[in-house]
Amino acid sequence: MYFDPLYFKLMIPAMILAGIATLITKTTFAKYSEVAASSGMTGAQAAKRLLEGEGISDVKIEETGGFLSDHYDPTSKTLRLSPTVFQSNSLSAIGVACHEAGHAIQHAAHFGPLHLRSALVPATQIGSTGSYIFFILGLIFHQPGLVLIGVGLFSLVVVFSLVTLPVEWDASARAKRLMVSAGIVSPQEQISAGKVLNAAFMTYVASAISALLTLLYYLLRSGLLGGRRD
């Protein structure tokens, strides 16, 4: 197996950051999963109230499997919440549910970055799998055109990761603001629920950094930034 010191030199910091962000997210979620909201609302009920308060009635709220698999599907206008969020009345569950409801509100408000991210999904899926193939083949067969295709495809992954940051930040900001005005949590409870969202946002930051460093590796190893091609 080929060992490339440059790759590990660039990626080890990103992997460490990603591991720390994931650990903080899980521990913060676990901590506030033990704290019930004074309103007694479950995550599903909180999301429903948040959406109704914004005049949104055409979004379905469903329970889905998995741990922290919560997401909003704009194609079917469906908000899917994991069991620990859908059924729980904890501050963690409410924070996550309101964050996902924030995405539905973004969709209804035609929030530009959300629509851009959705449009990038198909290209990003191709780029994440195809970039490595083109890049390696280009290096092996000394075909700069294939290398450029690989770099270009992975650039789509980087753009997706960067666009994701304002989308996730805005959804959390909406959730923090509206969960109080909708009477779902008190201002002090919002601080605790917000800590869960802040921790989760760091995982997206770590992902974006990892994507940028991977692109930097491609550029250096291809010689496009003066690195060595071998």
Protein backbone atom coordinates (compact mmCIF):
# COMPACT_ATOMS: atom_id res chain seq x y z
CA MET A 1 0.00 0.00 0.00
CA TYR A 2 1.38 3.40 -1.00
CA PHE A 3 2.17 5.71 1.89
CA ASP A 4 2.23 9.41 1.07
CA PRO A 5 3.70 11.54 3.89
CA LEU A 6 2.27 14.71 2.34
CA TYR A 7 -1.28 13.38 2.55
CA PHE A 8 -0.98 12.46 6.21
CA LYS A 9 0.80 15.71 7.02
CA LEU A 10 -2.16 17.64 5.64
CA MET A 11 -4.99 15.38 6.77
CA ILE A 12 -4.02 14.36 10.30
CA PRO A 13 -4.92 17.81 11.73
CA ALA A 14 -8.25 17.66 9.90
CA MET A 15 -8.97 14.18 11.24
CA ILE A 16 -8.13 15.28 14.78
CA LEU A 17 -10.40 18.31 14.46
CA ALA A 18 -13.22 16.17 13.09
CA GLY A 19 -12.83 13.70 15.94
CA ILE A 20 -12.89 16.45 18.56
CA ALA A 21 -15.95 18.10 16.97
CA THR A 22 -17.82 14.79 16.86
CA LEU A 23 -16.93 14.00 20.46
CA ILE A 24 -18.07 17.43 21.66
CA THR A 25 -21.33 17.10 19.73
CA LYS A 26 -22.12 13.69 21.21
CA THR A 27 -21.21 14.65 24.77
CA THR A 28 -23.13 17.93 24.59
CA PHE A 29 -26.18 16.19 23.13
CA ALA A 30 -25.97 13.52 25.85
CA LYS A 31 -25.64 16.15 28.59
CA TYR A 32 -28.73 18.11 27.62
CA SER A 33 -30.67 14.97 26.77
CA GLU A 34 -30.99 14.63 30.53
CA VAL A 35 -32.60 18.08 30.89
CA ALA A 36 -36.31 18.30 30.09
CA ALA A 37 -37.83 21.48 28.70
CA SER A 38 -40.28 23.21 31.02
CA SER A 39 -42.87 23.24 28.23
CA GLY A 40 -42.85 19.44 28.14
CA MET A 41 -42.86 19.47 24.33
CA THR A 42 -41.23 16.69 22.38
CA GLY A 43 -38.94 17.41 19.47
CA ALA A 44 -41.73 16.62 17.02
CA GLN A 45 -44.17 18.94 18.79
CA ALA A 46 -41.58 21.72 18.95
CA ALA A 47 -40.86 21.46 15.24
CA LYS A 48 -44.57 21.54 14.44
CA ARG A 49 -45.15 24.64 16.56
CA LEU A 50 -42.16 26.40 15.02
CA LEU A 51 -43.42 25.72 11.50
CA GLU A 52 -47.00 26.70 12.32
CA GLY A 53 -45.75 29.94 13.83
CA GLU A 54 -44.15 30.76 10.48
CA GLY A 55 -47.31 29.89 8.56
CA ILE A 56 -45.90 26.64 7.14
CA SER A 57 -48.43 23.82 7.02
CA ASP A 58 -47.27 21.65 4.10
CA VAL A 59 -44.21 20.07 5.75
CA LYS A 60 -44.57 16.51 7.04
CA ILE A 61 -42.81 15.49 10.26
CA GLU A 62 -41.79 11.85 10.41
CA GLU A 63 -39.76 9.61 12.69
CA THR A 64 -36.74 7.97 11.07
CA GLY A 65 -34.17 5.45 12.24
CA GLY A 66 -30.63 6.09 13.37
CA PHE A 67 -28.86 8.27 15.91
CA LEU A 68 -28.78 11.98 15.05
CA SER A 69 -29.94 11.15 11.53
CA ASP A 70 -32.25 14.17 11.62
CA HIS A 71 -32.64 16.10 8.38
CA TYR A 72 -35.03 18.09 6.22
CA ASP A 73 -35.78 16.77 2.73
CA PRO A 74 -36.70 19.73 0.50
CA THR A 75 -37.73 17.50 -2.42
CA SER A 76 -40.64 15.98 -0.48
CA LYS A 77 -40.98 18.73 2.14
CA THR A 78 -40.44 16.20 4.90
CA LEU A 79 -38.74 16.77 8.23
CA ARG A 80 -37.33 13.47 9.49
CA LEU A 81 -36.37 13.18 13.14
CA SER A 82 -34.49 10.36 14.85
CA PRO A 83 -36.24 8.57 17.77
CA THR A 84 -34.14 10.36 20.40
CA VAL A 85 -35.33 13.67 18.97
CA PHE A 86 -38.86 12.88 17.77
CA GLN A 87 -40.06 11.39 21.07
CA SER A 88 -37.97 13.23 23.66
CA ASN A 89 -38.82 16.44 25.50
CA SER A 90 -35.18 17.19 26.30
CA LEU A 91 -33.45 20.45 25.44
CA SER A 92 -31.17 18.50 23.08
CA ALA A 93 -34.11 17.05 21.20
CA ILE A 94 -35.85 20.41 20.95
CA GLY A 95 -32.68 22.13 19.76
CA VAL A 96 -32.09 19.61 16.98
CA ALA A 97 -35.76 19.50 15.94
CA CYS A 98 -36.00 23.29 15.77
CA HIS A 99 -32.77 23.42 13.78
CA GLU A 100 -34.21 21.06 11.17
CA ALA A 101 -37.43 23.08 11.17
CA GLY A 102 -35.17 26.05 10.47
CA HIS A 103 -34.20 24.38 7.18
CA ALA A 104 -37.86 24.03 6.26
CA ILE A 105 -38.33 27.73 7.01
CA GLN A 106 -35.32 28.52 4.82
CA HIS A 107 -36.93 26.53 2.02
CA ALA A 108 -40.21 28.38 2.33
CA ALA A 109 -38.36 31.71 2.42
CA HIS A 110 -36.32 30.80 -0.70
CA PHE A 111 -33.05 31.13 1.20
CA GLY A 112 -30.45 31.28 -1.56
CA PRO A 113 -27.62 29.19 -0.04
CA LEU A 114 -30.06 26.34 0.74
CA HIS A 115 -31.22 26.17 -2.87
CA LEU A 116 -27.62 26.34 -4.08
CA ARG A 117 -26.65 23.47 -1.79
CA SER A 118 -29.58 21.37 -3.01
CA ALA A 119 -28.61 22.06 -6.61
CA LEU A 120 -25.03 20.97 -5.90
CA VAL A 121 -25.97 17.59 -4.40
CA PRO A 122 -25.95 15.51 -7.64
CA ALA A 123 -22.67 17.04 -8.85
CA THR A 124 -21.12 16.63 -5.41
CA GLN A 125 -22.03 12.95 -5.29
CA ILE A 126 -20.29 12.44 -8.63
CA GLY A 127 -17.33 14.56 -7.57
CA SER A 128 -16.73 12.75 -4.27
CA THR A 129 -16.47 9.36 -5.97
CA GLY A 130 -15.09 10.28 -9.39
CA SER A 131 -12.42 12.81 -8.44
CA TYR A 132 -10.05 10.25 -6.94
CA ILE A 133 -10.37 7.92 -9.94
CA PHE A 134 -9.57 10.62 -12.49
CA PHE A 135 -6.81 12.07 -10.34
CA ILE A 136 -4.99 8.76 -9.83
CA LEU A 137 -5.38 7.69 -13.46
CA GLY A 138 -4.04 11.04 -14.59
CA LEU A 139 -0.95 10.66 -12.43
CA ILE A 140 -0.34 7.04 -13.42
CA PHE A 141 -0.67 7.64 -17.15
CA HIS A 142 0.82 11.16 -17.07
CA GLN A 143 -2.36 12.72 -18.43
CA PRO A 144 -2.72 16.31 -17.13
CA GLY A 145 -6.24 16.48 -18.54
CA LEU A 146 -7.43 13.63 -16.30
CA VAL A 147 -5.71 15.22 -13.32
CA LEU A 148 -7.52 18.49 -13.99
CA ILE A 149 -10.84 16.66 -14.23
CA GLY A 150 -10.16 15.05 -10.87
CA VAL A 151 -9.28 18.38 -9.29
CA GLY A 152 -12.32 20.02 -10.86
CA LEU A 153 -14.66 17.31 -9.61
CA PHE A 154 -13.33 17.55 -6.07
CA SER A 155 -13.65 21.33 -6.22
CA LEU A 156 -17.42 20.74 -6.33
CA VAL A 157 -17.14 18.90 -3.01
CA VAL A 158 -15.30 21.87 -1.53
CA VAL A 159 -17.90 24.33 -2.80
CA PHE A 160 -20.67 22.16 -1.31
CA SER A 161 -18.89 22.07 2.06
CA LEU A 162 -18.41 25.84 2.08
CA VAL A 163 -22.01 26.57 1.04
CA THR A 164 -23.18 24.26 3.82
CA LEU A 165 -21.70 26.53 6.49
CA PRO A 166 -24.05 29.53 6.04
CA VAL A 167 -26.98 27.15 5.55
CA GLU A 168 -26.38 25.40 8.86
CA TRP A 169 -25.49 28.58 10.73
CA ASP A 170 -28.64 30.34 9.56
CA ALA A 171 -30.86 27.37 10.44
CA SER A 172 -29.46 27.36 13.97
CA ALA A 173 -29.86 31.14 14.29
CA ARG A 174 -33.51 30.88 13.24
CA ALA A 175 -34.06 28.00 15.67
CA LYS A 176 -32.49 29.83 18.61
CA ARG A 177 -34.59 32.92 17.98
CA LEU A 178 -37.91 31.28 17.20
CA MET A 179 -37.90 28.59 19.87
CA VAL A 180 -38.12 31.35 22.46
CA SER A 181 -40.66 33.56 20.69
CA ALA A 182 -42.84 30.49 20.04
CA GLY A 183 -42.88 29.62 23.73
CA ILE A 184 -41.11 26.29 23.25
CA VAL A 185 -38.29 27.08 25.69
CA SER A 186 -37.42 29.88 28.07
CA PRO A 187 -34.55 32.26 27.26
CA GLN A 188 -32.30 30.42 29.71
CA GLU A 189 -33.25 27.01 28.31
CA GLN A 190 -32.46 28.34 24.85
CA ILE A 191 -28.85 28.89 25.90
CA SER A 192 -28.52 25.19 26.75
CA ALA A 193 -30.28 24.03 23.59
CA GLY A 194 -28.09 26.42 21.61
CA LYS A 195 -24.95 24.75 22.93
CA VAL A 196 -26.02 21.54 21.18
CA LEU A 197 -26.43 23.41 17.89
CA ASN A 198 -23.11 25.22 18.31
CA ALA A 199 -21.33 21.91 18.86
CA ALA A 200 -23.01 20.37 15.83
CA PHE A 201 -21.98 23.32 13.67
CA MET A 202 -18.34 22.58 14.46
CA THR A 203 -18.67 19.24 12.67
CA TYR A 204 -19.53 21.13 9.48
CA VAL A 205 -16.56 23.42 9.99
CA ALA A 206 -14.30 20.38 10.39
CA SER A 207 -15.75 18.84 7.23
CA ALA A 208 -15.11 22.02 5.24
CA ILE A 209 -11.52 22.20 6.50
CA SER A 210 -10.98 18.56 5.57
CA ALA A 211 -12.32 19.19 2.06
CA LEU A 212 -10.07 22.23 1.61
CA LEU A 213 -6.99 20.35 2.76
CA THR A 214 -7.82 17.44 0.45
CA LEU A 215 -8.08 19.86 -2.47
CA LEU A 216 -4.77 21.40 -1.43
CA TYR A 217 -3.23 17.93 -1.49
CA TYR A 218 -4.59 17.33 -5.00
CA LEU A 219 -3.17 20.64 -6.20
CA LEU A 220 0.24 20.06 -4.63
CA ARG A 221 0.59 16.46 -5.72
CA SER A 222 -0.53 17.28 -9.27
CA GLY A 223 2.08 20.01 -9.57
CA LEU A 224 -0.54 22.71 -10.10
CA LEU A 225 0.79 24.55 -7.04
CA GLY A 226 4.41 23.73 -7.65
CA GLY A 227 4.33 20.37 -5.88
CA ARG A 228 5.81 17.11 -7.17
CA ARG A 229 3.84 14.74 -9.39
CA ASP A 230 4.63 11.10 -8.71
